[in-house]
Amino acid sequence: MQTQSPVFHLHRKRLASTATGFAYVEDQITVCYFLRSHRGLSEGNERGVKEKKREKKKKEKKKKKKKKKKKKKKKKKKRQQKGGGYG
């Protein structure tokens, strides 16, 4: 069964389906790549590829912040407290 305008058909299917919706189409692979790249999915068929990367970056940033806080606490402990009595 062939459609009259495969590009339009693919585009319509693409918007309604998941990222793996075009895996079965072999003669219109270029259209698949074109549409996928314009939806920010050029790195693979998975929809959540970019979301996973964002989550990874957030975790790395949190780790860095925790390390910085620990260093600051150590510096505060090293300071000597001045005696507040009468000299």
PDB file of N, CA and C in Angstrom:
ATOM      1  N   MET A   1       0.839  -1.200   0.000  1.00  0.00           N
ATOM      2  CA  MET A   1       0.000   0.000   0.000  1.00  0.00           C
ATOM      3  C   MET A   1       0.876   1.253   0.000  1.00  0.00           C
ATOM      4  N   GLN A   2       0.750   2.065  -1.055  1.00  0.00           N
ATOM      5  CA  GLN A   2       1.570   3.273  -1.154  1.00  0.00           C
ATOM      6  C   GLN A   2       0.697   4.511  -0.961  1.00  0.00           C
ATOM      7  N   THR A   3       1.294   5.520  -0.352  1.00  0.00           N
ATOM      8  CA  THR A   3       0.570   6.783  -0.193  1.00  0.00           C
ATOM      9  C   THR A   3       0.960   7.722  -1.319  1.00  0.00           C
ATOM     10  N   GLN A   4       0.125   8.695  -1.587  1.00  0.00           N
ATOM     11  CA  GLN A   4       0.399   9.608  -2.704  1.00  0.00           C
ATOM     12  C   GLN A   4       1.566  10.541  -2.384  1.00  0.00           C
ATOM     13  N   SER A   5       1.573  11.115  -1.207  1.00  0.00           N
ATOM     14  CA  SER A   5       2.683  12.000  -0.839  1.00  0.00           C
ATOM     15  C   SER A   5       3.343  11.458   0.425  1.00  0.00           C
ATOM     16  N   PRO A   6       4.385  10.645   0.258  1.00  0.00           N
ATOM     17  CA  PRO A   6       5.015  10.007   1.416  1.00  0.00           C
ATOM     18  C   PRO A   6       5.591  11.000   2.416  1.00  0.00           C
ATOM     19  N   VAL A   7       6.061  12.144   1.917  1.00  0.00           N
ATOM     20  CA  VAL A   7       6.664  13.124   2.823  1.00  0.00           C
ATOM     21  C   VAL A   7       5.610  13.659   3.790  1.00  0.00           C
ATOM     22  N   PHE A   8       4.477  14.042   3.229  1.00  0.00           N
ATOM     23  CA  PHE A   8       3.397  14.566   4.078  1.00  0.00           C
ATOM     24  C   PHE A   8       2.896  13.480   5.022  1.00  0.00           C
ATOM     25  N   HIS A   9       2.773  12.282   4.488  1.00  0.00           N
ATOM     26  CA  HIS A   9       2.291  11.158   5.292  1.00  0.00           C
ATOM     27  C   HIS A   9       3.242  10.903   6.472  1.00  0.00           C
ATOM     28  N   LEU A  10       4.540  10.905   6.168  1.00  0.00           N
ATOM     29  CA  LEU A  10       5.532  10.675   7.213  1.00  0.00           C
ATOM     30  C   LEU A  10       5.471  11.784   8.255  1.00  0.00           C
ATOM     31  N   HIS A  11       5.361  12.996   7.766  1.00  0.00           N
ATOM     32  CA  HIS A  11       5.354  14.134   8.675  1.00  0.00           C
ATOM     33  C   HIS A  11       4.157  14.036   9.626  1.00  0.00           C
ATOM     34  N   ARG A  12       3.000  13.709   9.060  1.00  0.00           N
ATOM     35  CA  ARG A  12       1.800  13.601   9.874  1.00  0.00           C
ATOM     36  C   ARG A  12       1.951  12.472  10.908  1.00  0.00           C
ATOM     37  N   LYS A  13       2.513  11.348  10.467  1.00  0.00           N
ATOM     38  CA  LYS A  13       2.723  10.212  11.365  1.00  0.00           C
ATOM     39  C   LYS A  13       3.741  10.583  12.444  1.00  0.00           C
ATOM     40  N   ARG A  14       4.774  11.284  12.027  1.00  0.00           N
ATOM     41  CA  ARG A  14       5.867  11.631  12.931  1.00  0.00           C
ATOM     42  C   ARG A  14       5.355  12.439  14.110  1.00  0.00           C
ATOM     43  N   LEU A  15       4.511  13.400  13.822  1.00  0.00           N
ATOM     44  CA  LEU A  15       4.037  14.280  14.876  1.00  0.00           C
ATOM     45  C   LEU A  15       3.120  13.531  15.848  1.00  0.00           C
ATOM     46  N   ALA A  16       2.429  12.521  15.338  1.00  0.00           N
ATOM     47  CA  ALA A  16       1.469  11.805  16.173  1.00  0.00           C
ATOM     48  C   ALA A  16       2.096  10.625  16.906  1.00  0.00           C
ATOM     49  N   SER A  17       3.271  10.195  16.461  1.00  0.00           N
ATOM     50  CA  SER A  17       3.849   8.962  16.994  1.00  0.00           C
ATOM     51  C   SER A  17       5.016   9.254  17.924  1.00  0.00           C
ATOM     52  N   THR A  18       5.604   8.164  18.433  1.00  0.00           N
ATOM     53  CA  THR A  18       6.815   8.322  19.237  1.00  0.00           C
ATOM     54  C   THR A  18       8.010   8.482  18.298  1.00  0.00           C
ATOM     55  N   ALA A  19       9.187   8.638  18.873  1.00  0.00           N
ATOM     56  CA  ALA A  19      10.383   8.884  18.066  1.00  0.00           C
ATOM     57  C   ALA A  19      10.743   7.687  17.202  1.00  0.00           C
ATOM     58  N   THR A  20      10.295   6.504  17.574  1.00  0.00           N
ATOM     59  CA  THR A  20      10.641   5.302  16.808  1.00  0.00           C
ATOM     60  C   THR A  20       9.600   5.005  15.730  1.00  0.00           C
ATOM     61  N   GLY A  21       8.709   5.936  15.474  1.00  0.00           N
ATOM     62  CA  GLY A  21       7.593   5.694  14.561  1.00  0.00           C
ATOM     63  C   GLY A  21       7.980   5.407  13.130  1.00  0.00           C
ATOM     64  N   PHE A  22       9.185   5.791  12.709  1.00  0.00           N
ATOM     65  CA  PHE A  22       9.559   5.638  11.311  1.00  0.00           C
ATOM     66  C   PHE A  22      10.508   4.493  11.057  1.00  0.00           C
ATOM     67  N   ALA A  23      10.767   3.687  12.029  1.00  0.00           N
ATOM     68  CA  ALA A  23      11.776   2.641  11.890  1.00  0.00           C
ATOM     69  C   ALA A  23      11.475   1.698  10.727  1.00  0.00           C
ATOM     70  N   TYR A  24      10.203   1.521  10.402  1.00  0.00           N
ATOM     71  CA  TYR A  24       9.835   0.547   9.370  1.00  0.00           C
ATOM     72  C   TYR A  24       9.937   1.106   7.957  1.00  0.00           C
ATOM     73  N   VAL A  25      10.092   2.406   7.802  1.00  0.00           N
ATOM     74  CA  VAL A  25      10.154   3.006   6.466  1.00  0.00           C
ATOM     75  C   VAL A  25      11.597   3.004   5.989  1.00  0.00           C
ATOM     76  N   GLU A  26      11.857   2.332   4.890  1.00  0.00           N
ATOM     77  CA  GLU A  26      13.236   2.201   4.421  1.00  0.00           C
ATOM     78  C   GLU A  26      13.557   3.115   3.243  1.00  0.00           C
ATOM     79  N   ASP A  27      12.580   3.395   2.391  1.00  0.00           N
ATOM     80  CA  ASP A  27      12.875   4.198   1.204  1.00  0.00           C
ATOM     81  C   ASP A  27      12.789   5.695   1.487  1.00  0.00           C
ATOM     82  N   GLN A  28      12.378   6.086   2.673  1.00  0.00           N
ATOM     83  CA  GLN A  28      12.279   7.508   2.999  1.00  0.00           C
ATOM     84  C   GLN A  28      13.128   7.845   4.230  1.00  0.00           C
ATOM     85  N   ILE A  29      14.269   7.192   4.326  1.00  0.00           N
ATOM     86  CA  ILE A  29      15.116   7.381   5.507  1.00  0.00           C
ATOM     87  C   ILE A  29      15.555   8.839   5.641  1.00  0.00           C
ATOM     88  N   THR A  30      15.852   9.476   4.506  1.00  0.00           N
ATOM     89  CA  THR A  30      16.309  10.872   4.564  1.00  0.00           C
ATOM     90  C   THR A  30      15.240  11.755   5.181  1.00  0.00           C
ATOM     91  N   VAL A  31      13.994  11.506   4.835  1.00  0.00           N
ATOM     92  CA  VAL A  31      12.903  12.289   5.413  1.00  0.00           C
ATOM     93  C   VAL A  31      12.849  12.063   6.917  1.00  0.00           C
ATOM     94  N   CYS A  32      13.047  10.820   7.324  1.00  0.00           N
ATOM     95  CA  CYS A  32      13.050  10.506   8.753  1.00  0.00           C
ATOM     96  C   CYS A  32      14.124  11.322   9.466  1.00  0.00           C
ATOM     97  N   TYR A  33      15.334  11.301   8.910  1.00  0.00           N
ATOM     98  CA  TYR A  33      16.423  12.030   9.548  1.00  0.00           C
ATOM     99  C   TYR A  33      16.122  13.522   9.585  1.00  0.00           C
ATOM    100  N   PHE A  34      15.566  14.026   8.492  1.00  0.00           N
ATOM    101  CA  PHE A  34      15.243  15.448   8.434  1.00  0.00           C
ATOM    102  C   PHE A  34      14.259  15.815   9.538  1.00  0.00           C
ATOM    103  N   LEU A  35      13.179  15.064   9.614  1.00  0.00           N
ATOM    104  CA  LEU A  35      12.156  15.377  10.612  1.00  0.00           C
ATOM    105  C   LEU A  35      12.706  15.189  12.024  1.00  0.00           C
ATOM    106  N   ARG A  36      13.481  14.137  12.221  1.00  0.00           N
ATOM    107  CA  ARG A  36      14.012  13.848  13.544  1.00  0.00           C
ATOM    108  C   ARG A  36      14.943  14.976  13.986  1.00  0.00           C
ATOM    109  N   SER A  37      15.781  15.445  13.058  1.00  0.00           N
ATOM    110  CA  SER A  37      16.739  16.483  13.423  1.00  0.00           C
ATOM    111  C   SER A  37      16.028  17.789  13.746  1.00  0.00           C
ATOM    112  N   HIS A  38      14.917  18.037  13.088  1.00  0.00           N
ATOM    113  CA  HIS A  38      14.198  19.279  13.353  1.00  0.00           C
ATOM    114  C   HIS A  38      13.406  19.213  14.653  1.00  0.00           C
ATOM    115  N   ARG A  39      13.261  18.020  15.206  1.00  0.00           N
ATOM    116  CA  ARG A  39      12.571  17.900  16.497  1.00  0.00           C
ATOM    117  C   ARG A  39      13.584  17.694  17.620  1.00  0.00           C
ATOM    118  N   GLY A  40      14.867  17.908  17.329  1.00  0.00           N
ATOM    119  CA  GLY A  40      15.898  17.761  18.350  1.00  0.00           C
ATOM    120  C   GLY A  40      16.180  16.319  18.716  1.00  0.00           C
ATOM    121  N   LEU A  41      16.016  15.390  17.756  1.00  0.00           N
ATOM    122  CA  LEU A  41      16.225  13.971  18.050  1.00  0.00           C
ATOM    123  C   LEU A  41      17.245  13.368  17.096  1.00  0.00           C
ATOM    124  N   SER A  42      18.234  14.166  16.701  1.00  0.00           N
ATOM    125  CA  SER A  42      19.174  13.712  15.674  1.00  0.00           C
ATOM    126  C   SER A  42      20.133  12.642  16.190  1.00  0.00           C
ATOM    127  N   GLU A  43      20.234  12.468  17.492  1.00  0.00           N
ATOM    128  CA  GLU A  43      21.226  11.533  18.040  1.00  0.00           C
ATOM    129  C   GLU A  43      20.710  10.108  18.154  1.00  0.00           C
ATOM    130  N   GLY A  44      19.485   9.855  17.756  1.00  0.00           N
ATOM    131  CA  GLY A  44      18.963   8.493  17.854  1.00  0.00           C
ATOM    132  C   GLY A  44      17.453   8.488  17.830  1.00  0.00           C
ATOM    133  N   ASN A  45      16.884   7.309  17.893  1.00  0.00           N
ATOM    134  CA  ASN A  45      15.436   7.207  17.829  1.00  0.00           C
ATOM    135  C   ASN A  45      14.760   7.475  19.168  1.00  0.00           C
ATOM    136  N   GLU A  46      15.530   7.561  20.219  1.00  0.00           N
ATOM    137  CA  GLU A  46      14.920   7.733  21.529  1.00  0.00           C
ATOM    138  C   GLU A  46      14.464   9.166  21.730  1.00  0.00           C
ATOM    139  N   ARG A  47      13.296   9.314  22.305  1.00  0.00           N
ATOM    140  CA  ARG A  47      12.767  10.647  22.573  1.00  0.00           C
ATOM    141  C   ARG A  47      13.500  11.290  23.754  1.00  0.00           C
ATOM    142  N   GLY A  48      13.908  10.488  24.715  1.00  0.00           N
ATOM    143  CA  GLY A  48      14.465  11.037  25.947  1.00  0.00           C
ATOM    144  C   GLY A  48      15.969  11.203  25.963  1.00  0.00           C
ATOM    145  N   VAL A  49      16.626  11.181  24.806  1.00  0.00           N
ATOM    146  CA  VAL A  49      18.096  11.275  24.784  1.00  0.00           C
ATOM    147  C   VAL A  49      18.549  12.599  25.376  1.00  0.00           C
ATOM    148  N   LYS A  50      17.934  13.700  24.937  1.00  0.00           N
ATOM    149  CA  LYS A  50      18.348  15.021  25.416  1.00  0.00           C
ATOM    150  C   LYS A  50      17.964  15.216  26.881  1.00  0.00           C
ATOM    151  N   GLU A  51      16.807  14.681  27.270  1.00  0.00           N
ATOM    152  CA  GLU A  51      16.389  14.801  28.668  1.00  0.00           C
ATOM    153  C   GLU A  51      17.379  14.101  29.589  1.00  0.00           C
ATOM    154  N   LYS A  52      17.846  12.920  29.178  1.00  0.00           N
ATOM    155  CA  LYS A  52      18.820  12.179  29.981  1.00  0.00           C
ATOM    156  C   LYS A  52      20.098  12.993  30.141  1.00  0.00           C
ATOM    157  N   LYS A  53      20.530  13.651  29.065  1.00  0.00           N
ATOM    158  CA  LYS A  53      21.752  14.456  29.135  1.00  0.00           C
ATOM    159  C   LYS A  53      21.574  15.601  30.124  1.00  0.00           C
ATOM    160  N   ARG A  54      20.402  16.248  30.079  1.00  0.00           N
ATOM    161  CA  ARG A  54      20.141  17.350  31.005  1.00  0.00           C
ATOM    162  C   ARG A  54      20.210  16.870  32.454  1.00  0.00           C
ATOM    163  N   GLU A  55      19.593  15.723  32.719  1.00  0.00           N
ATOM    164  CA  GLU A  55      19.611  15.174  34.075  1.00  0.00           C
ATOM    165  C   GLU A  55      21.038  14.888  34.525  1.00  0.00           C
ATOM    166  N   LYS A  56      21.850  14.354  33.625  1.00  0.00           N
ATOM    167  CA  LYS A  56      23.246  14.051  33.949  1.00  0.00           C
ATOM    168  C   LYS A  56      23.990  15.328  34.335  1.00  0.00           C
ATOM    169  N   LYS A  57      23.801  16.397  33.557  1.00  0.00           N
ATOM    170  CA  LYS A  57      24.475  17.664  33.834  1.00  0.00           C
ATOM    171  C   LYS A  57      24.058  18.211  35.193  1.00  0.00           C
ATOM    172  N   LYS A  58      22.755  18.124  35.497  1.00  0.00           N
ATOM    173  CA  LYS A  58      22.266  18.612  36.786  1.00  0.00           C
ATOM    174  C   LYS A  58      22.931  17.866  37.935  1.00  0.00           C
ATOM    175  N   LYS A  59      23.041  16.535  37.806  1.00  0.00           N
ATOM    176  CA  LYS A  59      23.667  15.730  38.852  1.00  0.00           C
ATOM    177  C   LYS A  59      25.123  16.137  39.041  1.00  0.00           C
ATOM    178  N   GLU A  60      25.842  16.362  37.935  1.00  0.00           N
ATOM    179  CA  GLU A  60      27.249  16.759  38.020  1.00  0.00           C
ATOM    180  C   GLU A  60      27.391  18.107  38.716  1.00  0.00           C
ATOM    181  N   LYS A  61      26.496  19.048  38.396  1.00  0.00           N
ATOM    182  CA  LYS A  61      26.543  20.369  39.024  1.00  0.00           C
ATOM    183  C   LYS A  61      26.308  20.264  40.527  1.00  0.00           C
ATOM    184  N   LYS A  62      25.346  19.417  40.922  1.00  0.00           N
ATOM    185  CA  LYS A  62      25.061  19.241  42.349  1.00  0.00           C
ATOM    186  C   LYS A  62      26.282  18.692  43.076  1.00  0.00           C
ATOM    187  N   LYS A  63      26.967  17.723  42.476  1.00  0.00           N
ATOM    188  CA  LYS A  63      28.166  17.143  43.085  1.00  0.00           C
ATOM    189  C   LYS A  63      29.227  18.222  43.290  1.00  0.00           C
ATOM    190  N   LYS A  64      29.427  19.077  42.288  1.00  0.00           N
ATOM    191  CA  LYS A  64      30.425  20.139  42.390  1.00  0.00           C
ATOM    192  C   LYS A  64      30.069  21.103  43.518  1.00  0.00           C
ATOM    193  N   LYS A  65      28.793  21.468  43.622  1.00  0.00           N
ATOM    194  CA  LYS A  65      28.358  22.387  44.673  1.00  0.00           C
ATOM    195  C   LYS A  65      28.613  21.797  46.051  1.00  0.00           C
ATOM    196  N   LYS A  66      28.313  20.511  46.224  1.00  0.00           N
ATOM    197  CA  LYS A  66      28.533  19.857  47.512  1.00  0.00           C
ATOM    198  C   LYS A  66      30.011  19.906  47.893  1.00  0.00           C
ATOM    199  N   LYS A  67      30.899  19.653  46.947  1.00  0.00           N
ATOM    200  CA  LYS A  67      32.334  19.680  47.213  1.00  0.00           C
ATOM    201  C   LYS A  67      32.766  21.074  47.663  1.00  0.00           C
ATOM    202  N   LYS A  68      32.270  22.107  47.002  1.00  0.00           N
ATOM    203  CA  LYS A  68      32.635  23.474  47.350  1.00  0.00           C
ATOM    204  C   LYS A  68      32.192  23.811  48.770  1.00  0.00           C
ATOM    205  N   LYS A  69      30.984  23.419  49.147  1.00  0.00           N
ATOM    206  CA  LYS A  69      30.472  23.700  50.490  1.00  0.00           C
ATOM    207  C   LYS A  69      31.346  23.048  51.553  1.00  0.00           C
ATOM    208  N   LYS A  70      31.772  21.825  51.326  1.00  0.00           N
ATOM    209  CA  LYS A  70      32.610  21.121  52.289  1.00  0.00           C
ATOM    210  C   LYS A  70      33.922  21.870  52.503  1.00  0.00           C
ATOM    211  N   LYS A  71      34.526  22.366  51.437  1.00  0.00           N
ATOM    212  CA  LYS A  71      35.792  23.088  51.545  1.00  0.00           C
ATOM    213  C   LYS A  71      35.624  24.340  52.406  1.00  0.00           C
ATOM    214  N   LYS A  72      34.532  25.074  52.223  1.00  0.00           N
ATOM    215  CA  LYS A  72      34.300  26.294  52.989  1.00  0.00           C
ATOM    216  C   LYS A  72      34.183  25.988  54.481  1.00  0.00           C
ATOM    217  N   LYS A  73      33.500  24.905  54.818  1.00  0.00           N
ATOM    218  CA  LYS A  73      33.340  24.534  56.225  1.00  0.00           C
ATOM    219  C   LYS A  73      34.691  24.244  56.867  1.00  0.00           C
ATOM    220  N   LYS A  74      35.578  23.580  56.165  1.00  0.00           N
ATOM    221  CA  LYS A  74      36.898  23.258  56.697  1.00  0.00           C
ATOM    222  C   LYS A  74      37.673  24.537  57.017  1.00  0.00           C
ATOM    223  N   LYS A  75      37.592  25.533  56.165  1.00  0.00           N
ATOM    224  CA  LYS A  75      38.309  26.787  56.380  1.00  0.00           C
ATOM    225  C   LYS A  75      37.817  27.476  57.653  1.00  0.00           C
ATOM    226  N   LYS A  76      36.520  27.452  57.890  1.00  0.00           N
ATOM    227  CA  LYS A  76      35.965  28.102  59.077  1.00  0.00           C
ATOM    228  C   LYS A  76      36.468  27.433  60.356  1.00  0.00           C
ATOM    229  N   LYS A  77      36.626  26.126  60.347  1.00  0.00           N
ATOM    230  CA  LYS A  77      37.079  25.397  61.529  1.00  0.00           C
ATOM    231  C   LYS A  77      38.520  25.766  61.900  1.00  0.00           C
ATOM    232  N   LYS A  78      39.340  26.104  60.929  1.00  0.00           N
ATOM    233  CA  LYS A  78      40.758  26.372  61.167  1.00  0.00           C
ATOM    234  C   LYS A  78      40.985  27.692  61.915  1.00  0.00           C
ATOM    235  N   ARG A  79      40.049  28.630  61.821  1.00  0.00           N
ATOM    236  CA  ARG A  79      40.237  29.932  62.463  1.00  0.00           C
ATOM    237  C   ARG A  79      40.221  29.802  63.993  1.00  0.00           C
ATOM    238  N   GLN A  80      41.106  30.553  64.638  1.00  0.00           N
ATOM    239  CA  GLN A  80      41.122  30.546  66.105  1.00  0.00           C
ATOM    240  C   GLN A  80      40.101  31.552  66.632  1.00  0.00           C
ATOM    241  N   GLN A  81      39.424  31.171  67.676  1.00  0.00           N
ATOM    242  CA  GLN A  81      38.483  32.107  68.280  1.00  0.00           C
ATOM    243  C   GLN A  81      39.238  32.997  69.267  1.00  0.00           C
ATOM    244  N   LYS A  82      38.953  34.290  69.197  1.00  0.00           N
ATOM    245  CA  LYS A  82      39.606  35.222  70.119  1.00  0.00           C
ATOM    246  C   LYS A  82      38.882  35.187  71.468  1.00  0.00           C
ATOM    247  N   GLY A  83      39.642  35.255  72.527  1.00  0.00           N
ATOM    248  CA  GLY A  83      39.041  35.251  73.864  1.00  0.00           C
ATOM    249  C   GLY A  83      38.285  36.551  74.107  1.00  0.00           C
ATOM    250  N   GLY A  84      37.087  36.437  74.583  1.00  0.00           N
ATOM    251  CA  GLY A  84      36.274  37.645  74.760  1.00  0.00           C
ATOM    252  C   GLY A  84      36.350  38.229  76.161  1.00  0.00           C
ATOM    253  N   GLY A  85      37.343  37.815  76.956  1.00  0.00           N
ATOM    254  CA  GLY A  85      37.423  38.319  78.337  1.00  0.00           C
ATOM    255  C   GLY A  85      38.198  39.632  78.438  1.00  0.00           C
ATOM    256  N   TYR A  86      38.467  40.065  79.670  1.00  0.00           N
ATOM    257  CA  TYR A  86      39.242  41.290  79.875  1.00  0.00           C
ATOM    258  C   TYR A  86      40.719  40.932  79.836  1.00  0.00           C
ATOM    259  N   GLY A  87      41.466  41.658  78.972  1.00  0.00           N
ATOM    260  CA  GLY A  87      42.834  41.295  78.680  1.00  0.00           C
ATOM    261  C   GLY A  87      43.770  41.493  79.800  1.00  0.00           C
TER     262      GLY A  87
END
